[in-house]
N, C-alpha and C. Protein backbone atom coordinates (compact mmCIF):
# COMPACT_ATOMS: atom_id res chain seq x y z
N MET A 1 8.01 17.38 -8.54
CA MET A 1 7.52 16.69 -9.02
C MET A 1 5.83 17.24 -8.71
N ASN A 2 5.35 16.70 -10.17
CA ASN A 2 4.01 17.01 -10.05
C ASN A 2 2.68 16.80 -9.35
N ASP A 3 1.29 17.14 -9.59
CA ASP A 3 0.46 16.27 -8.62
C ASP A 3 -0.04 14.77 -9.28
N SER A 4 0.40 14.21 -10.44
CA SER A 4 -0.56 13.64 -11.51
C SER A 4 0.79 12.46 -10.98
N LEU A 5 1.72 12.46 -10.87
CA LEU A 5 3.02 11.71 -10.32
C LEU A 5 2.43 11.41 -9.10
N LYS A 6 2.79 12.18 -8.26
CA LYS A 6 2.05 11.75 -6.48
C LYS A 6 0.95 11.22 -6.46
N THR A 7 -0.01 11.33 -7.19
CA THR A 7 -1.58 10.72 -7.11
C THR A 7 -1.06 9.16 -7.73
N LEU A 8 -0.20 9.10 -8.74
CA LEU A 8 -0.21 7.96 -9.55
C LEU A 8 0.85 7.14 -8.62
N LEU A 9 1.54 7.34 -7.90
CA LEU A 9 2.51 6.62 -6.70
C LEU A 9 1.43 5.99 -6.09
N VAL A 10 0.74 7.10 -5.44
CA VAL A 10 -0.29 6.65 -4.01
C VAL A 10 -1.25 5.63 -4.70
N ILE A 11 -1.56 5.93 -5.59
CA ILE A 11 -2.72 5.01 -6.49
C ILE A 11 -1.95 3.59 -6.69
N ALA A 12 -0.75 3.53 -7.12
CA ALA A 12 0.21 2.31 -7.63
C ALA A 12 0.55 1.54 -6.32
N PHE A 13 0.67 2.10 -5.39
CA PHE A 13 1.01 1.79 -3.93
C PHE A 13 -0.46 1.04 -3.19
N LEU A 14 -1.47 1.58 -3.78
CA LEU A 14 -2.57 1.03 -3.23
C LEU A 14 -2.93 -0.25 -3.97
N ILE A 15 -2.76 -0.22 -5.46
CA ILE A 15 -3.05 -1.47 -6.26
C ILE A 15 -2.48 -2.57 -5.62
N VAL A 16 -0.83 -2.32 -5.58
CA VAL A 16 -0.17 -3.73 -5.13
C VAL A 16 -0.43 -4.20 -3.64
N ILE A 17 -0.82 -2.94 -2.96
CA ILE A 17 -1.57 -3.37 -1.36
C ILE A 17 -2.75 -4.35 -1.92
N VAL A 18 -3.58 -3.66 -2.66
CA VAL A 18 -4.73 -4.80 -2.23
C VAL A 18 -4.65 -6.31 -3.35
N TRP A 19 -3.20 -6.38 -4.15
CA TRP A 19 -2.87 -7.13 -4.95
C TRP A 19 -2.39 -8.33 -4.02
N ASN A 20 -1.53 -8.12 -2.68
CA ASN A 20 -0.92 -8.95 -1.89
C ASN A 20 -2.00 -9.29 -1.17
N LEU A 21 -2.81 -8.40 -0.88
CA LEU A 21 -4.30 -9.20 0.17
C LEU A 21 -4.80 -10.24 -0.52
N GLY A 22 -5.13 -9.94 -2.10
CA GLY A 22 -5.59 -10.69 -2.68
C GLY A 22 -4.99 -12.07 -2.71
N ALA A 23 -3.62 -11.87 -3.04
CA ALA A 23 -2.50 -13.06 -2.93
C ALA A 23 -2.85 -13.87 -2.02
N GLY A 24 -2.86 -13.40 -0.71
CA GLY A 24 -2.83 -13.96 0.66
C GLY A 24 -3.99 -14.67 0.55
N LEU A 25 -5.16 -14.12 -0.04
CA LEU A 25 -6.50 -15.05 0.63
C LEU A 25 -6.43 -16.48 -0.54
N TYR A 26 -6.00 -16.19 -1.88
CA TYR A 26 -5.41 -16.79 -2.57
C TYR A 26 -5.12 -18.18 -2.21
N TYR A 27 -3.34 -18.15 -1.44
CA TYR A 27 -2.93 -18.60 -1.23
C TYR A 27 -3.46 -19.00 -0.03
N LEU A 28 -4.57 -18.72 0.96
CA LEU A 28 -4.76 -19.13 2.15
C LEU A 28 -5.63 -20.71 1.34
N MET A 29 -6.65 -20.21 0.25
CA MET A 29 -7.50 -20.95 0.40
C MET A 29 -6.99 -23.05 -0.53
N ILE A 30 -6.14 -22.06 -1.20
CA ILE A 30 -4.76 -23.51 -1.98
C ILE A 30 -4.50 -24.15 -1.49
N ASP A 31 -3.35 -23.36 -0.22
CA ASP A 31 -2.10 -24.09 -0.22
C ASP A 31 -2.78 -24.99 1.00
N ARG A 32 -4.29 -24.32 1.81
CA ARG A 32 -4.80 -25.04 2.74
C ARG A 32 -3.21 -25.13 4.07
N GLY A 33 -2.80 -24.21 4.61
CA GLY A 33 -1.38 -24.01 5.81
C GLY A 33 -0.12 -24.71 5.19
N GLN A 34 0.02 -25.05 4.33
CA GLN A 34 0.86 -25.98 3.98
C GLN A 34 1.97 -25.36 3.60
N THR A 35 2.20 -24.33 3.21
CA THR A 35 3.53 -23.46 2.90
C THR A 35 3.28 -22.04 3.78
N LYS A 36 4.28 -21.25 3.23
CA LYS A 36 4.48 -19.85 3.90
C LYS A 36 4.11 -18.75 2.64
N ARG A 37 3.26 -19.01 1.71
CA ARG A 37 2.90 -18.29 1.21
C ARG A 37 1.90 -17.16 1.31
N THR A 38 1.11 -17.44 2.17
CA THR A 38 -0.03 -16.73 2.87
C THR A 38 0.55 -15.79 4.03
N VAL A 39 1.36 -16.10 4.58
CA VAL A 39 2.27 -14.86 5.53
C VAL A 39 3.24 -14.46 4.78
N ASN A 40 3.98 -14.84 3.84
CA ASN A 40 4.90 -13.80 2.89
C ASN A 40 3.77 -12.68 2.53
N ALA A 41 2.70 -13.08 1.77
CA ALA A 41 1.75 -12.25 1.19
C ALA A 41 1.49 -11.30 2.15
N LEU A 42 0.89 -11.70 3.13
CA LEU A 42 0.76 -10.37 3.78
C LEU A 42 1.41 -9.87 4.77
N THR A 43 2.78 -10.37 5.04
CA THR A 43 3.86 -9.67 5.39
C THR A 43 4.46 -8.30 4.68
N ARG A 44 4.15 -8.73 3.25
CA ARG A 44 4.30 -7.75 2.00
C ARG A 44 3.32 -6.80 2.03
N ARG A 45 2.05 -6.72 2.55
CA ARG A 45 1.28 -5.89 2.23
C ARG A 45 0.93 -5.14 3.53
N ILE A 46 1.69 -5.63 4.21
CA ILE A 46 1.66 -4.67 5.88
C ILE A 46 3.32 -3.73 5.76
N VAL A 47 3.99 -4.06 4.96
CA VAL A 47 5.28 -3.66 4.50
C VAL A 47 4.90 -2.39 3.92
N LEU A 48 4.15 -2.76 2.65
CA LEU A 48 3.70 -1.58 1.60
C LEU A 48 2.90 -0.13 2.42
N SER A 49 1.88 -0.84 3.29
CA SER A 49 0.91 -0.18 3.75
C SER A 49 2.06 1.14 4.75
N VAL A 50 2.83 0.20 5.45
CA VAL A 50 3.53 1.22 6.61
C VAL A 50 4.53 2.08 5.82
N ALA A 51 4.80 1.88 4.75
CA ALA A 51 5.65 2.39 3.60
C ALA A 51 4.79 3.61 2.96
N LEU A 52 4.00 3.37 2.67
CA LEU A 52 2.92 4.40 1.80
C LEU A 52 2.65 5.46 3.18
N ILE A 53 2.64 4.97 4.34
CA ILE A 53 2.01 5.86 5.36
C ILE A 53 3.25 6.92 5.60
N LEU A 54 4.29 6.42 5.92
CA LEU A 54 5.64 6.85 5.79
C LEU A 54 6.21 7.94 4.64
N LEU A 55 5.74 7.47 3.65
CA LEU A 55 5.88 8.32 2.49
C LEU A 55 5.01 9.53 2.69
N VAL A 56 3.63 9.21 2.44
CA VAL A 56 2.49 10.37 2.67
C VAL A 56 3.30 11.40 3.85
N VAL A 57 3.84 10.50 5.17
CA VAL A 57 3.97 11.60 6.17
C VAL A 57 5.16 12.22 6.06
N LEU A 58 6.57 11.98 5.40
CA LEU A 58 7.39 12.69 4.78
C LEU A 58 7.00 13.29 3.75
N GLY A 59 5.95 13.52 3.01
CA GLY A 59 6.05 14.24 1.92
C GLY A 59 5.12 14.95 2.35
N ILE A 60 4.41 15.28 3.68
CA ILE A 60 3.56 16.40 4.30
C ILE A 60 4.76 17.28 4.94
N TYR A 61 5.63 17.01 5.66
CA TYR A 61 6.54 17.29 6.49
C TYR A 61 7.50 18.12 5.65
N SER A 62 7.81 17.42 4.50
CA SER A 62 9.15 18.14 3.81
C SER A 62 7.97 19.48 2.66
N GLY A 63 7.20 19.15 2.77
CA GLY A 63 6.26 20.41 2.14
C GLY A 63 5.54 19.98 0.30
N TRP A 64 6.09 18.58 0.10
CA TRP A 64 5.70 17.99 -1.12
C TRP A 64 4.26 17.71 -1.42
N ILE A 65 3.69 17.77 0.00
CA ILE A 65 2.00 17.04 -0.27
C ILE A 65 1.93 18.07 0.61
N LYS A 66 0.21 19.07 0.13
CA LYS A 66 -0.11 19.88 0.71
C LYS A 66 -1.47 19.59 1.15
N PRO A 67 -1.47 18.97 2.26
CA PRO A 67 -3.16 18.14 2.57
C PRO A 67 -4.05 19.55 2.70
N HIS A 68 -5.40 19.23 2.63
CA HIS A 68 -6.60 20.07 2.60
C HIS A 68 -7.67 19.59 3.42
N GLY A 69 -8.95 20.34 3.62
CA GLY A 69 -9.64 19.59 4.48
C GLY A 69 -10.69 19.21 3.37
N VAL A 70 -11.56 18.97 3.70
CA VAL A 70 -12.88 18.26 2.53
C VAL A 70 -14.17 19.50 2.27
N VAL A 71 -14.06 19.79 1.45
CA VAL A 71 -14.47 21.07 0.94
C VAL A 71 -16.23 20.90 1.13
N GLY A 72 -16.84 21.32 1.97
CA GLY A 72 -18.46 21.12 1.51
C GLY A 72 -19.43 22.20 1.09
């Protein structure tokens, strides 16, 4: 897996996470607590965030991702 594909995968995860956060805010404002769409959107956001963290940890552990320090 090349570096640009890994970067694209992480960015795609982040975009979907932010999308679900925005959907949760939208449903909160529109539904006013009448449906569970807000809870579902925020639950998806949490699941995706945990999945992204686990994916990065797995990538570092297996050697697919090589962490580096900030170059100053």
